[in-house]
Amino acid sequence: MSLPHWSYVAMLAFCLAGTLPLVPAFRLQVLRQPGRLLLTIGLAGTPFLLWDLWATHVGHWWFDEDQTLPWRLAGLPLEEIAFFVVIPVVSVLTLEGVSAARRGVRPWTPRAHEEAR
């Protein structure tokens, strides 16, 4: 496999690398609530995944085999399926990070009760 085959995976990794640091920076609790996160992923990703399956099946949409990995599930590249997990996760992390900042949480600073220790 050549470097272009990894471009979609690299884009997903870049999205995660840009948002996962928000968890410790703003002390986000998103990843400690797996049920809510899975519900969000399911509600956000499922309709689009179904649309993707339909659109590729009828030929309205396709994936360039030179720019995706060779592994497929139901005709979709695995990284396309991962897209419907990664993008909802990074969206929630971004929303929670912005919400924390708007509440006055400063990144990388301990909470008041942690400073008293």
N, C-alpha and C. Protein backbone atom coordinates (compact mmCIF):
# COMPACT_ATOMS: atom_id res chain seq x y z
N MET A 1 0.84 -1.19 0.00
CA MET A 1 0.00 0.00 0.00
C MET A 1 0.88 1.24 0.00
N SER A 2 0.46 2.20 -0.77
CA SER A 2 1.22 3.45 -0.85
C SER A 2 0.69 4.46 0.16
N LEU A 3 1.41 5.56 0.29
CA LEU A 3 1.05 6.61 1.23
C LEU A 3 -0.37 7.16 1.00
N PRO A 4 -0.80 7.39 -0.26
CA PRO A 4 -2.18 7.89 -0.46
C PRO A 4 -3.27 6.96 0.10
N HIS A 5 -2.98 5.66 0.19
CA HIS A 5 -3.97 4.74 0.77
C HIS A 5 -4.28 5.09 2.22
N TRP A 6 -3.35 5.72 2.89
CA TRP A 6 -3.48 6.05 4.30
C TRP A 6 -4.03 7.46 4.54
N SER A 7 -4.37 8.18 3.49
CA SER A 7 -4.78 9.58 3.66
C SER A 7 -6.05 9.73 4.48
N TYR A 8 -7.03 8.87 4.28
CA TYR A 8 -8.28 8.97 5.04
C TYR A 8 -8.02 8.67 6.53
N VAL A 9 -7.24 7.64 6.78
CA VAL A 9 -6.88 7.29 8.16
C VAL A 9 -6.11 8.45 8.80
N ALA A 10 -5.22 9.06 8.05
CA ALA A 10 -4.44 10.18 8.58
C ALA A 10 -5.35 11.35 8.94
N MET A 11 -6.36 11.61 8.12
CA MET A 11 -7.29 12.70 8.41
C MET A 11 -8.06 12.42 9.70
N LEU A 12 -8.49 11.19 9.89
CA LEU A 12 -9.21 10.83 11.12
C LEU A 12 -8.29 10.95 12.34
N ALA A 13 -7.04 10.50 12.19
CA ALA A 13 -6.08 10.61 13.28
C ALA A 13 -5.79 12.07 13.61
N PHE A 14 -5.70 12.91 12.59
CA PHE A 14 -5.48 14.34 12.80
C PHE A 14 -6.64 14.95 13.58
N CYS A 15 -7.86 14.57 13.24
CA CYS A 15 -9.04 15.08 13.97
C CYS A 15 -8.98 14.68 15.44
N LEU A 16 -8.64 13.43 15.71
CA LEU A 16 -8.54 12.97 17.09
C LEU A 16 -7.39 13.65 17.82
N ALA A 17 -6.25 13.79 17.15
CA ALA A 17 -5.09 14.42 17.77
C ALA A 17 -5.37 15.87 18.14
N GLY A 18 -6.23 16.51 17.39
CA GLY A 18 -6.56 17.90 17.67
C GLY A 18 -7.57 18.09 18.78
N THR A 19 -8.35 17.07 19.07
CA THR A 19 -9.41 17.24 20.06
C THR A 19 -9.21 16.43 21.34
N LEU A 20 -8.54 15.31 21.30
CA LEU A 20 -8.33 14.52 22.52
C LEU A 20 -7.61 15.29 23.62
N PRO A 21 -6.68 16.20 23.30
CA PRO A 21 -6.06 16.98 24.38
C PRO A 21 -7.04 17.88 25.13
N LEU A 22 -8.21 18.12 24.57
CA LEU A 22 -9.22 18.91 25.29
C LEU A 22 -9.69 18.20 26.55
N VAL A 23 -9.65 16.87 26.56
CA VAL A 23 -10.12 16.11 27.71
C VAL A 23 -9.33 16.45 28.97
N PRO A 24 -8.00 16.29 28.97
CA PRO A 24 -7.27 16.67 30.18
C PRO A 24 -7.18 18.19 30.36
N ALA A 25 -7.10 18.93 29.25
CA ALA A 25 -6.93 20.38 29.36
C ALA A 25 -8.09 21.03 30.10
N PHE A 26 -9.30 20.62 29.76
CA PHE A 26 -10.50 21.21 30.38
C PHE A 26 -11.17 20.26 31.36
N ARG A 27 -10.48 19.14 31.68
CA ARG A 27 -11.02 18.14 32.61
C ARG A 27 -12.42 17.68 32.19
N LEU A 28 -12.57 17.37 30.92
CA LEU A 28 -13.87 16.94 30.39
C LEU A 28 -14.21 15.54 30.88
N GLN A 29 -15.47 15.29 31.09
CA GLN A 29 -15.96 14.01 31.58
C GLN A 29 -16.57 13.14 30.48
N VAL A 30 -16.46 13.59 29.24
CA VAL A 30 -17.11 12.92 28.11
C VAL A 30 -16.73 11.44 28.02
N LEU A 31 -15.46 11.14 28.13
CA LEU A 31 -15.01 9.75 27.96
C LEU A 31 -15.34 8.89 29.17
N ARG A 32 -15.76 9.50 30.27
CA ARG A 32 -16.17 8.75 31.46
C ARG A 32 -17.65 8.44 31.45
N GLN A 33 -18.32 8.81 30.37
CA GLN A 33 -19.75 8.55 30.21
C GLN A 33 -19.96 7.76 28.92
N PRO A 34 -19.47 6.51 28.88
CA PRO A 34 -19.49 5.76 27.62
C PRO A 34 -20.89 5.53 27.07
N GLY A 35 -21.86 5.36 27.92
CA GLY A 35 -23.22 5.13 27.44
C GLY A 35 -23.76 6.32 26.67
N ARG A 36 -23.56 7.50 27.22
CA ARG A 36 -24.01 8.73 26.54
C ARG A 36 -23.24 8.95 25.24
N LEU A 37 -21.95 8.67 25.27
CA LEU A 37 -21.13 8.85 24.08
C LEU A 37 -21.55 7.87 22.99
N LEU A 38 -21.78 6.61 23.36
CA LEU A 38 -22.24 5.62 22.38
C LEU A 38 -23.60 5.97 21.81
N LEU A 39 -24.49 6.50 22.65
CA LEU A 39 -25.80 6.94 22.17
C LEU A 39 -25.63 8.08 21.16
N THR A 40 -24.76 9.01 21.47
CA THR A 40 -24.50 10.12 20.55
C THR A 40 -23.95 9.63 19.23
N ILE A 41 -22.97 8.73 19.30
CA ILE A 41 -22.38 8.17 18.08
C ILE A 41 -23.45 7.45 17.27
N GLY A 42 -24.26 6.65 17.94
CA GLY A 42 -25.31 5.91 17.24
C GLY A 42 -26.34 6.82 16.60
N LEU A 43 -26.80 7.82 17.34
CA LEU A 43 -27.81 8.72 16.80
C LEU A 43 -27.27 9.59 15.68
N ALA A 44 -26.02 10.03 15.81
CA ALA A 44 -25.44 10.90 14.79
C ALA A 44 -24.95 10.11 13.59
N GLY A 45 -24.35 8.97 13.83
CA GLY A 45 -23.71 8.23 12.75
C GLY A 45 -24.59 7.29 11.96
N THR A 46 -25.56 6.68 12.61
CA THR A 46 -26.36 5.65 11.95
C THR A 46 -27.09 6.13 10.70
N PRO A 47 -27.82 7.25 10.75
CA PRO A 47 -28.52 7.68 9.53
C PRO A 47 -27.55 7.93 8.36
N PHE A 48 -26.41 8.51 8.65
CA PHE A 48 -25.45 8.80 7.58
C PHE A 48 -24.77 7.54 7.08
N LEU A 49 -24.53 6.59 7.98
CA LEU A 49 -23.96 5.32 7.56
C LEU A 49 -24.93 4.58 6.64
N LEU A 50 -26.20 4.58 7.00
CA LEU A 50 -27.21 3.93 6.16
C LEU A 50 -27.31 4.62 4.80
N TRP A 51 -27.27 5.95 4.82
CA TRP A 51 -27.31 6.69 3.56
C TRP A 51 -26.08 6.33 2.72
N ASP A 52 -24.91 6.25 3.34
CA ASP A 52 -23.68 5.90 2.66
C ASP A 52 -23.77 4.52 2.01
N LEU A 53 -24.31 3.57 2.77
CA LEU A 53 -24.49 2.21 2.23
C LEU A 53 -25.40 2.23 1.00
N TRP A 54 -26.51 2.95 1.11
CA TRP A 54 -27.45 3.03 0.00
C TRP A 54 -26.81 3.72 -1.20
N ALA A 55 -26.17 4.87 -0.97
CA ALA A 55 -25.61 5.66 -2.06
C ALA A 55 -24.51 4.91 -2.80
N THR A 56 -23.70 4.16 -2.09
CA THR A 56 -22.66 3.38 -2.76
C THR A 56 -23.26 2.19 -3.50
N HIS A 57 -24.30 1.61 -2.91
CA HIS A 57 -24.95 0.46 -3.54
C HIS A 57 -25.57 0.83 -4.89
N VAL A 58 -26.20 2.00 -4.96
CA VAL A 58 -26.86 2.40 -6.21
C VAL A 58 -25.93 3.18 -7.14
N GLY A 59 -24.70 3.40 -6.72
CA GLY A 59 -23.72 4.03 -7.59
C GLY A 59 -23.68 5.54 -7.57
N HIS A 60 -24.36 6.17 -6.62
CA HIS A 60 -24.30 7.63 -6.52
C HIS A 60 -23.02 8.11 -5.86
N TRP A 61 -22.35 7.21 -5.19
CA TRP A 61 -21.18 7.56 -4.39
C TRP A 61 -20.20 6.41 -4.48
N TRP A 62 -18.93 6.69 -4.43
CA TRP A 62 -17.93 5.64 -4.44
C TRP A 62 -16.68 6.11 -3.71
N PHE A 63 -15.80 5.19 -3.48
CA PHE A 63 -14.56 5.48 -2.77
C PHE A 63 -13.39 5.11 -3.66
N ASP A 64 -12.48 6.03 -3.82
CA ASP A 64 -11.30 5.84 -4.64
C ASP A 64 -10.40 4.79 -3.99
N GLU A 65 -10.25 3.68 -4.63
CA GLU A 65 -9.44 2.59 -4.08
C GLU A 65 -7.97 2.97 -3.95
N ASP A 66 -7.54 4.01 -4.67
CA ASP A 66 -6.15 4.47 -4.56
C ASP A 66 -5.95 5.35 -3.33
N GLN A 67 -7.04 5.76 -2.68
CA GLN A 67 -6.92 6.65 -1.53
C GLN A 67 -7.56 6.08 -0.26
N THR A 68 -7.92 4.82 -0.31
CA THR A 68 -8.47 4.16 0.87
C THR A 68 -7.76 2.82 1.05
N LEU A 69 -7.84 2.30 2.24
CA LEU A 69 -7.27 0.98 2.52
C LEU A 69 -8.12 -0.08 1.84
N PRO A 70 -7.57 -1.24 1.59
CA PRO A 70 -8.31 -2.24 0.82
C PRO A 70 -9.43 -2.96 1.57
N TRP A 71 -9.45 -2.86 2.88
CA TRP A 71 -10.42 -3.61 3.65
C TRP A 71 -11.79 -2.95 3.59
N ARG A 72 -12.81 -3.76 3.35
CA ARG A 72 -14.17 -3.25 3.20
C ARG A 72 -15.12 -4.04 4.09
N LEU A 73 -16.19 -3.38 4.51
CA LEU A 73 -17.27 -4.02 5.24
C LEU A 73 -18.56 -3.53 4.59
N ALA A 74 -19.33 -4.44 4.06
CA ALA A 74 -20.56 -4.12 3.33
C ALA A 74 -20.26 -3.15 2.19
N GLY A 75 -19.09 -3.26 1.60
CA GLY A 75 -18.71 -2.41 0.49
C GLY A 75 -18.09 -1.08 0.87
N LEU A 76 -18.09 -0.75 2.15
CA LEU A 76 -17.52 0.52 2.60
C LEU A 76 -16.11 0.31 3.15
N PRO A 77 -15.21 1.23 2.86
CA PRO A 77 -13.87 1.14 3.48
C PRO A 77 -14.02 1.24 5.00
N LEU A 78 -13.19 0.52 5.72
CA LEU A 78 -13.26 0.56 7.19
C LEU A 78 -13.10 1.97 7.72
N GLU A 79 -12.26 2.78 7.05
CA GLU A 79 -12.08 4.14 7.54
C GLU A 79 -13.32 5.00 7.33
N GLU A 80 -14.16 4.66 6.38
CA GLU A 80 -15.44 5.38 6.22
C GLU A 80 -16.36 5.06 7.40
N ILE A 81 -16.36 3.82 7.82
CA ILE A 81 -17.17 3.44 8.99
C ILE A 81 -16.60 4.13 10.23
N ALA A 82 -15.27 4.16 10.34
CA ALA A 82 -14.63 4.85 11.47
C ALA A 82 -14.97 6.33 11.47
N PHE A 83 -15.16 6.92 10.30
CA PHE A 83 -15.53 8.33 10.20
C PHE A 83 -16.79 8.62 11.00
N PHE A 84 -17.76 7.70 10.95
CA PHE A 84 -19.03 7.90 11.63
C PHE A 84 -18.94 7.66 13.14
N VAL A 85 -17.77 7.25 13.60
CA VAL A 85 -17.49 7.18 15.03
C VAL A 85 -16.62 8.37 15.43
N VAL A 86 -15.56 8.61 14.68
CA VAL A 86 -14.59 9.65 15.03
C VAL A 86 -15.22 11.04 15.00
N ILE A 87 -15.95 11.36 13.96
CA ILE A 87 -16.47 12.73 13.83
C ILE A 87 -17.49 13.07 14.92
N PRO A 88 -18.42 12.19 15.28
CA PRO A 88 -19.26 12.52 16.43
C PRO A 88 -18.45 12.70 17.73
N VAL A 89 -17.43 11.88 17.93
CA VAL A 89 -16.62 12.00 19.15
C VAL A 89 -15.90 13.34 19.17
N VAL A 90 -15.25 13.72 18.07
CA VAL A 90 -14.53 14.99 18.08
C VAL A 90 -15.49 16.17 18.15
N SER A 91 -16.69 16.01 17.62
CA SER A 91 -17.70 17.07 17.73
C SER A 91 -18.12 17.27 19.17
N VAL A 92 -18.36 16.19 19.88
CA VAL A 92 -18.75 16.28 21.28
C VAL A 92 -17.61 16.86 22.12
N LEU A 93 -16.39 16.41 21.86
CA LEU A 93 -15.24 16.94 22.60
C LEU A 93 -15.07 18.44 22.35
N THR A 94 -15.25 18.87 21.12
CA THR A 94 -15.15 20.29 20.80
C THR A 94 -16.24 21.08 21.49
N LEU A 95 -17.46 20.59 21.41
CA LEU A 95 -18.59 21.27 22.06
C LEU A 95 -18.36 21.37 23.57
N GLU A 96 -17.94 20.29 24.19
CA GLU A 96 -17.70 20.30 25.63
C GLU A 96 -16.52 21.19 26.00
N GLY A 97 -15.49 21.21 25.18
CA GLY A 97 -14.34 22.08 25.43
C GLY A 97 -14.73 23.55 25.35
N VAL A 98 -15.50 23.91 24.34
CA VAL A 98 -15.97 25.29 24.20
C VAL A 98 -16.90 25.65 25.35
N SER A 99 -17.77 24.74 25.72
CA SER A 99 -18.68 25.00 26.85
C SER A 99 -17.90 25.22 28.14
N ALA A 100 -16.87 24.41 28.37
CA ALA A 100 -16.04 24.58 29.57
C ALA A 100 -15.34 25.93 29.55
N ALA A 101 -14.81 26.31 28.40
CA ALA A 101 -14.12 27.60 28.29
C ALA A 101 -15.09 28.75 28.53
N ARG A 102 -16.30 28.62 28.03
CA ARG A 102 -17.30 29.69 28.24
C ARG A 102 -17.74 29.77 29.69
N ARG A 103 -17.65 28.64 30.42
CA ARG A 103 -17.96 28.65 31.86
C ARG A 103 -16.81 29.21 32.67
N GLY A 104 -15.71 29.49 32.03
CA GLY A 104 -14.56 30.07 32.73
C GLY A 104 -13.49 29.07 33.12
N VAL A 105 -13.62 27.81 32.71
CA VAL A 105 -12.58 26.82 32.99
C VAL A 105 -11.37 27.20 32.15
N ARG A 106 -10.25 27.35 32.82
CA ARG A 106 -9.02 27.68 32.10
C ARG A 106 -8.26 26.39 31.82
N PRO A 107 -7.78 26.24 30.60
CA PRO A 107 -7.08 24.99 30.28
C PRO A 107 -5.82 24.80 31.10
N TRP A 108 -5.59 23.55 31.46
CA TRP A 108 -4.39 23.10 32.14
C TRP A 108 -4.19 23.72 33.52
N THR A 109 -5.25 24.23 34.12
CA THR A 109 -5.13 24.74 35.49
C THR A 109 -5.93 23.84 36.40
N PRO A 110 -5.43 23.58 37.62
CA PRO A 110 -6.17 22.70 38.53
C PRO A 110 -7.42 23.41 39.06
N ARG A 111 -8.36 22.62 39.49
CA ARG A 111 -9.57 23.18 40.12
C ARG A 111 -9.18 23.80 41.44
N ALA A 112 -10.04 24.68 41.92
CA ALA A 112 -9.75 25.39 43.19
C ALA A 112 -9.51 24.42 44.34
N HIS A 113 -10.33 23.36 44.45
CA HIS A 113 -10.14 22.45 45.56
C HIS A 113 -8.88 21.61 45.41
N GLU A 114 -8.36 21.48 44.17
CA GLU A 114 -7.12 20.75 43.97
C GLU A 114 -5.93 21.61 44.37
N GLU A 115 -6.05 22.94 44.26
CA GLU A 115 -4.97 23.84 44.63
C GLU A 115 -4.76 23.86 46.15
N ALA A 116 -5.82 23.59 46.91
CA ALA A 116 -5.74 23.63 48.36
C ALA A 116 -4.98 22.44 48.94
N ARG A 117 -4.76 21.42 48.16
CA ARG A 117 -4.08 20.23 48.67
C ARG A 117 -2.64 20.46 48.96
